[in-house]
Amino acid sequence: MLPLPVFQHHSPSSLAEAVSLMAELGDRARLIAGGTDLLPNMKHGIVEPEHLVSLRAVTELNGVQHDDAHIVIGAMTRLVDIAKHPAVLEHAPALAEATGQVGGPHHRRMGTLGGNLCLDTRCVYINQTYFWREALGFCLKKDGTVCHVVKSGKKCVAAASNDSAPALMVLGAEIDLLSPRGKRTLSANDFYTTDGIYNQSRKLDEIVTHIRIPILADRVSAFEKLRRRGAIDYPLLNCAIRIDYKGPQIDEFDMVVSALAARPKRVKAAARLAIGKKPSDALTKQLAEVAFKNCKPLTNLDNDADWRRDMIRVLVRKALERARPPVASQAT
């Protein structure tokens, strides 16, 4: 069993206290929510903070609120509570499905939406013990100068592996952040970058406080995930789609596929194909083929990349089959 390195733990009881601590400790500190990813990474020497600032006691970051326009989710709300919340199930089913498939039951009881949103990227060449990585000569993401996935690559291509990310992107979510410099809001689409070393636009001292999801009538969404086992494992692929209907026709369409590279990939060609059409088996097949052509998994995860690519068609078809127009729209 790998031991945790020595660090100092802080447990602020308010958001203001947490912000103050992050301002004081600077880059020596990391925020910790559920800890289901950060603590194993610390054991492996992938991250080496001197201080951990826990948000567990910051009650103002907990809970799900909603009105006619938005669902507002506190960043420290547990994944298990989001997955079964009536408002999320009704208005944002892709997020309910995504949070309900993170890890295993114990991960979802510990893990939070903010923590999953900010999950570190993963790669078969980094998520190993220090001894293993040292024997390989390390890599771009930590301590080395070579990418073992793209041999001539100058940018880390470790994969975004958070199931909530594609769901929040297609749902048009906005993310509120707070730091010593004040408040700001990013769209979920703008939250991620293409740099696998740190793929977030969030600064290290910024705290995700709330996630806001718009509620629209005649909107449906769905999420699918590929993994070796039915629980525990990180995704080998995941996919979220969202359709806004106008009567029986598709008025707006969005598809995001992830666990490919550092940033979840929006399949823009799928929207151009789908908008203005009615759902059909033929359209489903066409959209699955568009996703296949536009998404190319790398060898950054420990399964065959060609097989993962073939499975893109399967995931997209399964998601689309569950995203038919609401009954009221079908009748118009």
Protein backbone atom coordinates (compact mmCIF):
# COMPACT_ATOMS: atom_id res chain seq x y z
CA MET A 1 0.00 0.00 0.00
CA LEU A 2 1.34 3.41 -0.94
CA PRO A 3 1.48 5.93 1.94
CA LEU A 4 0.31 9.51 1.70
CA PRO A 5 3.09 12.09 1.84
CA VAL A 6 3.18 14.54 4.74
CA PHE A 7 0.96 17.62 4.31
CA GLN A 8 -0.93 20.13 6.45
CA HIS A 9 -4.72 19.93 6.42
CA HIS A 10 -6.99 22.98 6.70
CA SER A 11 -10.74 22.86 7.23
CA PRO A 12 -12.33 26.31 6.73
CA SER A 13 -15.95 26.65 7.78
CA SER A 14 -16.88 29.38 5.31
CA LEU A 15 -16.22 30.26 1.70
CA ALA A 16 -14.57 33.52 2.73
CA GLU A 17 -12.17 31.64 4.99
CA ALA A 18 -11.33 29.18 2.20
CA VAL A 19 -10.57 32.02 -0.22
CA SER A 20 -8.36 33.69 2.39
CA LEU A 21 -6.43 30.48 2.97
CA MET A 22 -5.82 29.97 -0.76
CA ALA A 23 -4.56 33.56 -1.02
CA GLU A 24 -2.19 33.00 1.90
CA LEU A 25 -0.85 29.58 0.86
CA GLY A 26 -0.53 30.21 -2.87
CA ASP A 27 0.76 27.43 -5.11
CA ARG A 28 1.79 25.33 -2.11
CA ALA A 29 -1.88 24.44 -1.56
CA ARG A 30 -4.54 22.43 -3.35
CA LEU A 31 -8.27 22.39 -2.77
CA ILE A 32 -9.79 19.05 -1.80
CA ALA A 33 -13.45 18.10 -2.12
CA GLY A 34 -14.15 14.36 -1.89
CA GLY A 35 -10.50 13.44 -2.44
CA THR A 36 -11.24 10.33 -4.52
CA ASP A 37 -8.78 11.38 -7.24
CA LEU A 38 -6.44 13.84 -5.53
CA LEU A 39 -5.34 11.53 -2.70
CA PRO A 40 -4.36 8.60 -4.99
CA ASN A 41 -2.45 11.07 -7.18
CA MET A 42 -0.61 12.31 -4.12
CA LYS A 43 0.31 8.73 -3.19
CA HIS A 44 1.78 8.30 -6.68
CA GLY A 45 3.72 11.54 -6.47
CA ILE A 46 1.83 13.07 -9.39
CA VAL A 47 0.87 16.13 -7.31
CA GLU A 48 2.83 17.21 -4.24
CA PRO A 49 1.03 19.93 -2.28
CA GLU A 50 2.28 21.02 1.12
CA HIS A 51 -1.24 22.03 2.19
CA LEU A 52 -4.75 20.73 1.49
CA VAL A 53 -7.67 23.11 1.95
CA SER A 54 -10.80 21.04 2.49
CA LEU A 55 -14.20 22.40 1.42
CA ARG A 56 -16.16 19.73 3.27
CA ALA A 57 -17.29 22.06 6.08
CA VAL A 58 -18.29 24.92 3.75
CA THR A 59 -22.04 24.33 3.90
CA GLU A 60 -22.87 27.19 1.53
CA LEU A 61 -21.48 25.04 -1.31
CA ASN A 62 -23.99 22.23 -0.72
CA GLY A 63 -27.38 21.53 -2.23
CA VAL A 64 -29.53 21.73 -5.37
CA GLN A 65 -31.90 24.65 -5.93
CA HIS A 66 -34.15 25.28 -8.91
CA ASP A 67 -36.80 27.60 -10.30
CA ASP A 68 -38.50 27.88 -13.68
CA ALA A 69 -35.31 29.04 -15.37
CA HIS A 70 -32.32 27.27 -13.80
CA ILE A 71 -31.02 24.42 -11.70
CA VAL A 72 -28.28 25.68 -9.38
CA ILE A 73 -25.99 23.06 -7.86
CA GLY A 74 -23.46 23.77 -5.13
CA ALA A 75 -19.99 22.53 -6.00
CA MET A 76 -19.79 20.35 -2.86
CA THR A 77 -23.06 18.54 -3.57
CA ARG A 78 -22.39 14.81 -3.63
CA LEU A 79 -22.64 12.98 -6.93
CA VAL A 80 -25.08 10.45 -5.46
CA ASP A 81 -27.48 13.25 -4.50
CA ILE A 82 -27.35 14.86 -7.94
CA ALA A 83 -27.95 11.55 -9.73
CA LYS A 84 -31.28 11.03 -7.94
CA HIS A 85 -32.49 14.63 -7.58
CA PRO A 86 -35.97 15.03 -9.17
CA ALA A 87 -35.18 18.36 -10.88
CA VAL A 88 -31.97 17.01 -12.42
CA LEU A 89 -33.70 13.81 -13.54
CA GLU A 90 -36.48 15.82 -15.19
CA HIS A 91 -34.60 18.73 -16.75
CA ALA A 92 -30.99 17.53 -17.12
CA PRO A 93 -31.08 13.73 -17.43
CA ALA A 94 -27.63 13.63 -19.09
CA LEU A 95 -26.13 15.01 -15.88
CA ALA A 96 -28.12 12.60 -13.71
CA GLU A 97 -26.88 9.69 -15.83
CA ALA A 98 -23.28 10.96 -15.84
CA THR A 99 -23.06 11.52 -12.09
CA GLY A 100 -24.76 8.16 -11.51
CA GLN A 101 -21.98 6.37 -13.39
CA VAL A 102 -18.91 7.94 -11.79
CA GLY A 103 -16.75 5.27 -10.16
CA GLY A 104 -18.60 3.01 -7.74
CA PRO A 105 -21.16 3.71 -4.98
CA HIS A 106 -18.50 4.73 -2.46
CA HIS A 107 -16.93 7.18 -4.94
CA ARG A 108 -20.32 8.80 -5.58
CA ARG A 109 -20.97 9.14 -1.85
CA MET A 110 -17.61 10.87 -1.36
CA GLY A 111 -17.21 12.63 -4.70
CA THR A 112 -18.74 16.01 -5.51
CA LEU A 113 -19.80 17.76 -8.69
CA GLY A 114 -17.13 20.44 -8.27
CA GLY A 115 -14.47 17.80 -7.71
CA ASN A 116 -15.51 15.81 -10.79
CA LEU A 117 -15.68 18.98 -12.86
CA CYS A 118 -12.06 19.73 -11.87
CA LEU A 119 -10.78 16.15 -12.20
CA ASP A 120 -7.18 15.86 -13.34
CA THR A 121 -6.52 14.38 -16.78
CA ARG A 122 -5.43 10.74 -16.98
CA CYS A 123 -2.96 8.78 -19.09
CA VAL A 124 -1.55 5.28 -18.97
CA TYR A 125 1.93 6.82 -18.77
CA ILE A 126 1.26 9.14 -15.79
CA ASN A 127 -1.22 7.33 -13.55
CA GLN A 128 1.38 4.90 -12.26
CA THR A 129 3.69 4.69 -9.26
CA TYR A 130 6.76 6.93 -9.09
CA PHE A 131 8.99 3.84 -9.51
CA TRP A 132 7.16 2.87 -12.73
CA ARG A 133 7.35 6.39 -14.16
CA GLU A 134 11.00 6.78 -13.22
CA ALA A 135 11.88 3.52 -15.00
CA LEU A 136 10.17 4.87 -18.16
CA GLY A 137 11.96 8.21 -17.97
CA PHE A 138 8.87 10.18 -16.87
CA CYS A 139 6.74 12.19 -19.35
CA LEU A 140 5.67 15.70 -20.32
CA LYS A 141 3.00 15.89 -17.65
CA LYS A 142 5.43 15.37 -14.76
CA ASP A 143 9.23 15.38 -14.47
CA GLY A 144 9.98 14.43 -18.10
CA THR A 145 10.38 15.93 -21.57
CA VAL A 146 8.81 13.26 -23.81
CA CYS A 147 5.22 12.37 -24.65
CA HIS A 148 4.99 8.58 -24.90
CA VAL A 149 1.63 8.81 -26.70
CA VAL A 150 2.73 11.21 -29.48
CA LYS A 151 6.49 10.68 -29.70
CA SER A 152 7.22 14.00 -31.39
CA GLY A 153 4.51 15.83 -29.46
CA LYS A 154 5.23 19.03 -27.57
CA LYS A 155 1.89 19.11 -25.73
CA CYS A 156 0.55 16.64 -23.16
CA VAL A 157 -2.44 14.66 -24.46
CA ALA A 158 -3.57 13.07 -21.19
CA ALA A 159 -7.33 12.50 -21.44
CA ALA A 160 -10.20 14.36 -19.77
CA SER A 161 -11.91 11.58 -17.82
CA ASN A 162 -14.63 13.37 -15.86
CA ASP A 163 -18.09 12.08 -16.74
CA SER A 164 -19.80 15.34 -15.76
CA ALA A 165 -17.86 17.45 -18.29
CA PRO A 166 -19.58 16.42 -21.57
CA ALA A 167 -22.99 16.50 -19.89
CA LEU A 168 -22.48 20.02 -18.54
CA MET A 169 -21.12 21.22 -21.88
CA VAL A 170 -24.11 20.05 -23.93
CA LEU A 171 -26.52 21.39 -21.30
CA GLY A 172 -25.04 24.89 -21.59
CA ALA A 173 -24.00 25.03 -17.94
CA GLU A 174 -22.28 28.05 -16.40
CA ILE A 175 -19.68 27.72 -13.65
CA ASP A 176 -19.24 30.32 -10.92
CA LEU A 177 -15.74 30.77 -9.49
CA LEU A 178 -14.43 32.77 -6.54
CA SER A 179 -10.84 33.75 -5.77
CA PRO A 180 -8.95 36.47 -3.91
CA ARG A 181 -9.40 38.56 -7.08
CA GLY A 182 -13.19 38.31 -6.96
CA LYS A 183 -15.95 36.43 -8.78
CA ARG A 184 -16.21 35.34 -12.39
CA THR A 185 -18.34 32.98 -14.46
CA LEU A 186 -17.23 30.62 -17.23
CA SER A 187 -19.34 28.52 -19.54
CA ALA A 188 -18.66 24.80 -19.25
CA ASN A 189 -17.47 25.00 -22.85
CA ASP A 190 -14.79 27.55 -21.92
CA PHE A 191 -13.78 25.79 -18.71
CA TYR A 192 -11.47 23.29 -20.45
CA THR A 193 -8.31 23.74 -22.52
CA THR A 194 -6.25 21.44 -24.75
CA ASP A 195 -3.31 21.21 -22.33
CA GLY A 196 -3.21 17.79 -20.66
CA ILE A 197 -0.87 19.01 -17.91
CA TYR A 198 -3.61 21.31 -16.59
CA ASN A 199 -6.68 21.36 -18.80
CA GLN A 200 -8.73 23.96 -16.95
CA SER A 201 -9.17 27.71 -17.41
CA ARG A 202 -9.66 27.81 -13.63
CA LYS A 203 -6.67 29.21 -11.75
CA LEU A 204 -5.38 27.02 -8.92
CA ASP A 205 -6.60 29.47 -6.26
CA GLU A 206 -10.10 29.75 -7.77
CA ILE A 207 -12.90 27.86 -6.05
CA VAL A 208 -15.82 26.51 -8.06
CA THR A 209 -18.84 27.60 -6.04
CA HIS A 210 -21.93 26.78 -8.10
CA ILE A 211 -22.96 25.24 -11.41
CA ARG A 212 -26.02 26.71 -13.15
CA ILE A 213 -27.95 24.78 -15.79
CA PRO A 214 -30.71 26.43 -17.86
CA ILE A 215 -34.13 24.77 -17.95
CA LEU A 216 -35.82 24.69 -21.35
CA ALA A 217 -39.10 23.14 -22.41
CA ASP A 218 -38.94 20.41 -25.05
CA ARG A 219 -35.28 19.69 -24.23
CA VAL A 220 -33.99 16.14 -23.92
CA SER A 221 -30.50 14.87 -23.17
CA ALA A 222 -28.66 11.60 -22.65
CA PHE A 223 -25.25 10.30 -21.57
CA GLU A 224 -23.38 7.10 -22.40
CA LYS A 225 -20.14 5.68 -21.04
CA LEU A 226 -17.73 2.96 -22.11
CA ARG A 227 -15.61 1.22 -19.46
CA ARG A 228 -14.20 -2.21 -18.86
CA ARG A 229 -16.45 -2.97 -15.90
CA GLY A 230 -19.92 -1.75 -15.03
CA ALA A 231 -18.56 0.17 -12.04
CA ILE A 232 -15.38 1.67 -10.57
CA ASP A 233 -13.52 2.30 -13.84
CA TYR A 234 -12.81 5.65 -15.44
CA PRO A 235 -14.27 6.07 -18.93
CA LEU A 236 -12.58 4.69 -22.00
CA LEU A 237 -15.06 6.96 -23.80
CA ASN A 238 -18.07 8.97 -22.82
CA CYS A 239 -20.64 10.88 -24.82
CA ALA A 240 -23.42 13.36 -24.09
CA ILE A 241 -26.05 14.68 -26.46
CA ARG A 242 -28.71 17.35 -26.06
CA ILE A 243 -31.64 18.06 -28.36
CA ASP A 244 -34.04 21.01 -28.24
CA TYR A 245 -37.21 20.22 -30.18
CA LYS A 246 -39.63 22.51 -31.96
CA GLY A 247 -42.59 20.29 -32.50
CA PRO A 248 -41.32 17.00 -33.92
CA GLN A 249 -38.25 18.65 -35.50
CA ILE A 250 -34.78 19.18 -34.03
CA ASP A 251 -34.35 22.90 -33.35
CA GLU A 252 -30.94 22.77 -31.62
CA PHE A 253 -28.49 19.91 -31.27
CA ASP A 254 -25.24 19.36 -29.40
CA MET A 255 -22.90 16.38 -29.02
CA VAL A 256 -19.73 16.13 -26.94
CA VAL A 257 -17.44 13.09 -26.85
CA SER A 258 -14.72 12.83 -24.20
CA ALA A 259 -11.90 10.64 -22.84
CA LEU A 260 -10.14 11.28 -26.16
CA ALA A 261 -7.62 14.00 -25.31
CA ALA A 262 -7.28 16.81 -22.77
CA ARG A 263 -10.39 18.71 -23.84
CA PRO A 264 -13.82 17.14 -24.41
CA LYS A 265 -14.61 17.32 -28.13
CA ARG A 266 -17.72 19.03 -29.46
CA VAL A 267 -18.81 17.36 -32.71
CA LYS A 268 -19.93 20.47 -34.60
CA ALA A 269 -20.64 18.60 -37.83
CA ALA A 270 -23.34 16.62 -36.02
CA ALA A 271 -25.29 19.78 -35.23
CA ARG A 272 -25.14 20.93 -38.84
CA LEU A 273 -26.54 17.58 -39.94
CA ALA A 274 -29.29 17.27 -37.32
CA ILE A 275 -30.89 20.72 -37.06
CA GLY A 276 -34.19 20.98 -38.94
CA LYS A 277 -34.70 17.25 -39.25
CA LYS A 278 -36.99 14.80 -37.51
CA PRO A 279 -35.47 11.93 -35.51
CA SER A 280 -35.22 8.71 -37.50
CA ASP A 281 -33.16 5.54 -37.64
CA ALA A 282 -31.42 6.89 -40.73
CA LEU A 283 -30.47 10.15 -38.99
CA THR A 284 -29.22 8.23 -35.95
CA LYS A 285 -26.96 6.15 -38.18
CA GLN A 286 -25.68 9.27 -39.96
CA LEU A 287 -24.92 11.07 -36.69
CA ALA A 288 -23.08 8.03 -35.34
CA GLU A 289 -20.96 7.98 -38.50
CA VAL A 290 -20.19 11.70 -38.22
CA ALA A 291 -19.00 11.19 -34.65
CA PHE A 292 -16.84 8.25 -35.75
CA LYS A 293 -15.18 10.33 -38.47
CA ASN A 294 -14.51 13.30 -36.19
CA CYS A 295 -13.31 11.52 -33.03
CA LYS A 296 -10.00 9.67 -32.94
CA PRO A 297 -8.98 8.11 -29.60
CA LEU A 298 -5.26 8.06 -28.82
CA THR A 299 -3.17 5.43 -27.05
CA ASN A 300 -3.35 7.46 -23.82
CA LEU A 301 -5.65 4.95 -22.12
CA ASP A 302 -4.99 1.27 -21.54
CA ASN A 303 -7.29 -0.23 -24.18
CA ASP A 304 -7.01 -0.60 -27.94
CA ALA A 305 -7.55 2.80 -29.58
CA ASP A 306 -9.11 1.33 -32.74
CA TRP A 307 -11.68 -0.60 -30.68
CA ARG A 308 -12.49 2.54 -28.69
CA ARG A 309 -13.05 4.41 -31.94
CA ASP A 310 -15.39 1.72 -33.26
CA MET A 311 -17.37 2.00 -30.03
CA ILE A 312 -18.06 5.70 -30.67
CA ARG A 313 -20.79 4.67 -33.11
CA VAL A 314 -22.36 2.43 -30.46
CA LEU A 315 -22.38 5.08 -27.75
CA VAL A 316 -23.86 7.75 -30.00
CA ARG A 317 -26.61 5.43 -31.25
CA LYS A 318 -27.54 4.40 -27.70
CA ALA A 319 -27.72 8.04 -26.57
CA LEU A 320 -29.82 9.12 -29.56
CA GLU A 321 -32.26 6.26 -29.14
CA ARG A 322 -33.12 7.65 -25.69
CA ALA A 323 -33.44 11.25 -26.85
CA ARG A 324 -36.70 11.17 -28.80
CA PRO A 325 -39.07 14.18 -28.73
CA PRO A 326 -41.18 14.70 -25.61
CA VAL A 327 -44.71 13.30 -25.95
CA ALA A 328 -46.23 16.80 -26.18
CA SER A 329 -43.93 17.70 -29.07
CA GLN A 330 -44.69 14.51 -30.96
CA ALA A 331 -48.40 15.32 -30.87
CA THR A 332 -48.01 18.78 -32.45
